[in-house]
Amino acid sequence: MIISHIALKNWRNFQSVNVDLRDRVFLVGPNACGKSNFLDSFRIYND
């Protein structure tokens, strides 16, 4: 399965997120900005 777009609404610390995903995605940012929470959305989807 290839995921090309993700939309999150009221997910943990995100109010609204729409991201188009490409072949390679890098998550970069300071500590406690939500990188792990974004990845958790894929883990929950997988379960």
Protein backbone atom coordinates (compact mmCIF):
# COMPACT_ATOMS: atom_id res chain seq x y z
CA MET A 1 0.00 0.00 0.00
CA ILE A 2 1.26 3.46 -0.89
CA ILE A 3 0.02 6.41 1.14
CA SER A 4 0.19 9.60 -0.90
CA HIS A 5 -1.80 11.98 1.32
CA ILE A 6 -2.65 12.24 4.99
CA ALA A 7 -5.20 14.51 6.65
CA LEU A 8 -5.34 14.78 10.45
CA LYS A 9 -7.96 16.67 12.40
CA ASN A 10 -7.76 17.08 16.19
CA TRP A 11 -5.00 14.49 16.44
CA ARG A 12 -2.98 15.00 19.62
CA ASN A 13 -1.28 18.40 19.24
CA PHE A 14 -2.45 19.03 15.64
CA GLN A 15 -5.69 20.88 14.99
CA SER A 16 -5.64 20.40 11.22
CA VAL A 17 -2.94 18.92 8.98
CA ASN A 18 -3.02 18.09 5.26
CA VAL A 19 0.21 16.68 3.83
CA ASP A 20 0.96 15.32 0.37
CA LEU A 21 3.54 12.56 0.70
CA ARG A 22 6.12 11.83 -1.97
CA ASP A 23 8.69 9.07 -2.43
CA ARG A 24 10.80 10.31 0.47
CA VAL A 25 9.73 12.39 3.46
CA PHE A 26 11.96 13.95 6.11
CA LEU A 27 10.57 15.17 9.43
CA VAL A 28 12.73 17.93 10.84
CA GLY A 29 12.03 20.23 13.76
CA PRO A 30 12.82 21.12 17.34
CA ASN A 31 12.04 18.90 20.30
CA ALA A 32 8.37 18.67 21.32
CA CYS A 33 6.98 20.03 18.03
CA GLY A 34 4.98 16.88 17.11
CA LYS A 35 7.24 14.74 14.91
CA SER A 36 6.53 11.60 16.94
CA ASN A 37 2.81 12.38 17.10
CA PHE A 38 2.74 12.62 13.30
CA LEU A 39 4.42 9.21 12.99
CA ASP A 40 2.02 7.75 15.59
CA SER A 41 -0.86 8.44 13.20
CA PHE A 42 0.66 5.86 10.83
CA ARG A 43 1.17 3.38 13.66
CA ILE A 44 -2.47 3.67 14.74
CA TYR A 45 -3.60 3.24 11.11
CA ASN A 46 -1.48 0.09 10.81
CA ASP A 47 -3.09 -1.51 13.89
